[in-house]
Amino acid sequence: MPGFRVRAKTAEVLISTFLLDALLKAYKIKQPGRYNLRACVLKRSRKLRIGKWRFRMVNNLKIRYSTPGYPAAEKELVYKDFGASGNALIENDVVYYDKKTAPTSITGMPATHIEITKHINSVLSAPIYRPNDTGLENPIGILSIDSKMSVEKTGFDKPTNYDIVTSMATLIGSFMV
């Protein structure tokens, strides 16, 4: 939204208190069930220089906003190049996970992640972009909706639901400038 600016603290309250809850309720109208919604924010890689050697630190995703009641242990996790969130970041596209049909998707995931998220049976993740990223090339985070239900019940594999979650991510991105 051109010319629209929200202070960081105000954006945090809006996103975590009102926006995620409203978006989750909207999704439940289309696809009834029990879900959790979270927005992971990308911590950009940093260049590190030691003498003549230069290193680039890896991008990490950390949950910054979530619906009320989101498990505290999950909020502490850092997502890299695994899971639906990490894959959505790497592929720069919407990704869904179904434990029943793609159990190997957790390959490379640390044991602590597997243990803490073992109750999750399906996830739909979409990149979040800044409003001025018209080419959709530089995600600033990932919006994920997850459930204990299978993909058969959540509909996470349906393109119409991809569109809903992508629209949610666009709205959240407009507040994260």
Protein backbone atom coordinates (compact mmCIF):
# COMPACT_ATOMS: atom_id res chain seq x y z
CA MET A 1 0.00 0.00 0.00
CA PRO A 2 1.88 3.06 -1.25
CA GLY A 3 2.34 5.79 1.32
CA PHE A 4 1.13 3.58 4.16
CA ARG A 5 3.61 3.10 6.99
CA VAL A 6 3.16 1.33 10.28
CA ARG A 7 5.60 1.56 13.17
CA ALA A 8 7.39 -1.71 13.95
CA LYS A 9 5.76 -2.22 17.36
CA THR A 10 2.31 -1.35 15.99
CA ALA A 11 2.82 -3.78 13.10
CA GLU A 12 3.80 -6.50 15.55
CA VAL A 13 0.63 -6.00 17.59
CA LEU A 14 -1.55 -5.81 14.46
CA ILE A 15 -0.05 -8.93 12.92
CA SER A 16 0.19 -11.11 16.01
CA THR A 17 -3.02 -10.06 17.73
CA PHE A 18 -5.52 -9.30 15.01
CA LEU A 19 -4.36 -10.12 11.50
CA LEU A 20 -3.29 -13.75 11.93
CA ASP A 21 -6.43 -14.55 13.90
CA ALA A 22 -8.66 -12.93 11.25
CA LEU A 23 -6.84 -14.72 8.44
CA LEU A 24 -7.12 -18.05 10.23
CA LYS A 25 -10.86 -17.54 10.75
CA ALA A 26 -11.24 -16.74 7.04
CA TYR A 27 -9.43 -19.95 6.09
CA LYS A 28 -11.60 -21.99 8.47
CA ILE A 29 -14.73 -20.71 6.73
CA LYS A 30 -13.44 -22.13 3.44
CA GLN A 31 -11.89 -25.27 4.92
CA PRO A 32 -13.27 -26.11 8.42
CA GLY A 33 -10.85 -27.64 10.91
CA ARG A 34 -8.24 -26.90 13.57
CA TYR A 35 -5.18 -24.98 12.40
CA ASN A 36 -2.25 -22.92 13.64
CA LEU A 37 -0.87 -19.99 11.67
CA ARG A 38 2.61 -18.54 11.95
CA ALA A 39 4.74 -16.00 10.14
CA CYS A 40 8.46 -16.73 10.12
CA VAL A 41 10.69 -13.76 9.46
CA LEU A 42 13.92 -14.14 7.56
CA LYS A 43 17.07 -13.16 9.36
CA ARG A 44 19.24 -12.09 6.44
CA SER A 45 22.64 -13.60 5.95
CA ARG A 46 25.55 -11.50 7.04
CA LYS A 47 29.02 -11.18 5.65
CA LEU A 48 31.76 -12.04 8.07
CA ARG A 49 35.36 -11.11 7.44
CA ILE A 50 38.30 -12.63 9.27
CA GLY A 51 41.57 -11.36 7.90
CA LYS A 52 41.56 -12.01 4.16
CA TRP A 53 38.80 -14.65 4.46
CA ARG A 54 35.18 -13.75 3.84
CA PHE A 55 32.22 -15.85 4.93
CA ARG A 56 28.50 -15.60 4.40
CA MET A 57 26.25 -16.72 7.23
CA VAL A 58 23.21 -18.82 6.29
CA ASN A 59 19.68 -17.38 6.13
CA ASN A 60 17.48 -18.45 9.02
CA LEU A 61 13.74 -18.30 9.55
CA LYS A 62 12.39 -17.69 13.04
CA ILE A 63 8.75 -17.55 14.08
CA ARG A 64 7.95 -13.93 14.90
CA TYR A 65 4.17 -13.89 14.78
CA SER A 66 1.73 -16.69 15.55
CA THR A 67 -1.87 -17.30 16.47
CA PRO A 68 -2.67 -17.53 20.19
CA GLY A 69 -1.89 -20.89 21.73
CA TYR A 70 0.95 -21.68 19.34
CA PRO A 71 3.29 -24.15 21.10
CA ALA A 72 6.14 -22.30 22.84
CA ALA A 73 8.69 -24.98 21.91
CA GLU A 74 7.94 -24.45 18.20
CA LYS A 75 8.40 -20.70 18.54
CA GLU A 76 12.00 -21.31 19.60
CA LEU A 77 12.88 -23.34 16.49
CA VAL A 78 15.03 -21.91 13.70
CA TYR A 79 14.14 -23.07 10.19
CA LYS A 80 16.86 -23.25 7.56
CA ASP A 81 16.69 -25.41 4.45
CA PHE A 82 14.24 -28.06 5.66
CA GLY A 83 10.57 -28.43 6.35
CA ALA A 84 7.81 -26.65 4.45
CA SER A 85 8.99 -23.19 5.56
CA GLY A 86 12.59 -23.80 4.53
CA ASN A 87 11.56 -25.36 1.23
CA ALA A 88 9.20 -22.46 0.45
CA LEU A 89 12.11 -20.09 1.05
CA ILE A 90 14.54 -22.09 -1.10
CA GLU A 91 12.04 -22.61 -3.93
CA ASN A 92 10.61 -19.08 -3.56
CA ASP A 93 7.18 -20.62 -4.07
CA VAL A 94 4.19 -22.07 -2.22
CA VAL A 95 4.95 -25.51 -0.74
CA TYR A 96 2.77 -28.02 1.07
CA TYR A 97 3.75 -30.96 3.25
CA ASP A 98 1.75 -34.09 3.96
CA LYS A 99 3.22 -36.48 6.52
CA LYS A 100 1.22 -39.39 5.11
CA THR A 101 2.31 -39.10 1.46
CA ALA A 102 5.75 -37.50 1.84
CA PRO A 103 7.36 -38.68 5.09
CA THR A 104 10.84 -38.20 3.58
CA SER A 105 10.25 -34.42 3.50
CA ILE A 106 11.70 -34.26 7.00
CA THR A 107 15.04 -35.63 5.79
CA GLY A 108 17.77 -33.35 7.08
CA MET A 109 15.57 -31.94 9.82
CA PRO A 110 17.26 -31.98 13.24
CA ALA A 111 15.91 -34.51 15.74
CA THR A 112 14.65 -31.70 18.01
CA HIS A 113 12.53 -30.30 15.16
CA ILE A 114 11.09 -33.73 14.40
CA GLU A 115 10.22 -34.30 18.05
CA ILE A 116 8.67 -30.86 18.64
CA THR A 117 6.64 -30.91 15.41
CA LYS A 118 5.61 -34.59 15.40
CA HIS A 119 1.97 -33.64 16.00
CA ILE A 120 1.83 -31.75 12.67
CA ASN A 121 0.46 -33.80 9.76
CA SER A 122 0.17 -31.11 7.09
CA VAL A 123 1.60 -27.67 6.35
CA LEU A 124 1.08 -25.04 3.65
CA SER A 125 3.79 -22.37 3.37
CA ALA A 126 3.98 -19.28 1.17
CA PRO A 127 6.70 -16.60 0.81
CA ILE A 128 6.07 -13.12 2.22
CA TYR A 129 7.39 -10.18 0.16
CA ARG A 130 7.75 -6.45 0.67
CA PRO A 131 5.17 -4.46 -1.31
CA ASN A 132 7.88 -2.95 -3.54
CA ASP A 133 9.24 -6.40 -4.54
CA THR A 134 7.15 -6.51 -7.71
CA GLY A 135 9.26 -9.31 -9.19
CA LEU A 136 8.66 -11.48 -6.09
CA GLU A 137 12.36 -12.31 -5.92
CA ASN A 138 13.37 -11.52 -2.33
CA PRO A 139 11.13 -13.07 0.31
CA ILE A 140 11.35 -11.48 3.76
CA GLY A 141 9.59 -14.34 5.50
CA ILE A 142 7.29 -17.33 5.18
CA LEU A 143 3.65 -17.65 6.21
CA SER A 144 2.73 -21.19 7.25
CA ILE A 145 -0.55 -22.73 8.25
CA ASP A 146 -0.31 -26.16 9.84
CA SER A 147 -2.66 -28.78 11.18
CA LYS A 148 -2.87 -32.13 12.94
CA MET A 149 -5.23 -33.14 10.12
CA SER A 150 -4.08 -34.75 6.88
CA VAL A 151 -3.90 -32.88 3.57
CA GLU A 152 -7.05 -34.76 2.51
CA LYS A 153 -8.95 -32.79 5.18
CA THR A 154 -7.03 -29.47 5.12
CA GLY A 155 -6.99 -29.07 1.35
CA PHE A 156 -3.42 -27.73 1.47
CA ASP A 157 -2.73 -29.40 -1.89
CA LYS A 158 -5.48 -27.46 -3.70
CA PRO A 159 -4.49 -24.43 -5.85
CA THR A 160 -7.48 -22.43 -4.53
CA ASN A 161 -6.06 -22.74 -1.03
CA TYR A 162 -2.60 -21.77 -2.34
CA ASP A 163 -4.23 -18.55 -3.53
CA ILE A 164 -5.81 -17.89 -0.13
CA VAL A 165 -2.52 -18.35 1.74
CA THR A 166 -0.59 -16.32 -0.87
CA SER A 167 -3.10 -13.48 -0.42
CA MET A 168 -2.65 -13.72 3.35
CA ALA A 169 1.14 -13.53 2.91
CA THR A 170 0.78 -10.45 0.67
CA LEU A 171 -1.34 -8.72 3.29
CA ILE A 172 1.14 -9.52 6.05
CA GLY A 173 4.03 -8.32 3.85
CA SER A 174 2.32 -4.93 3.50
CA PHE A 175 2.65 -4.46 7.27
CA MET A 176 6.26 -5.63 7.43
CA VAL A 177 7.84 -2.71 5.58
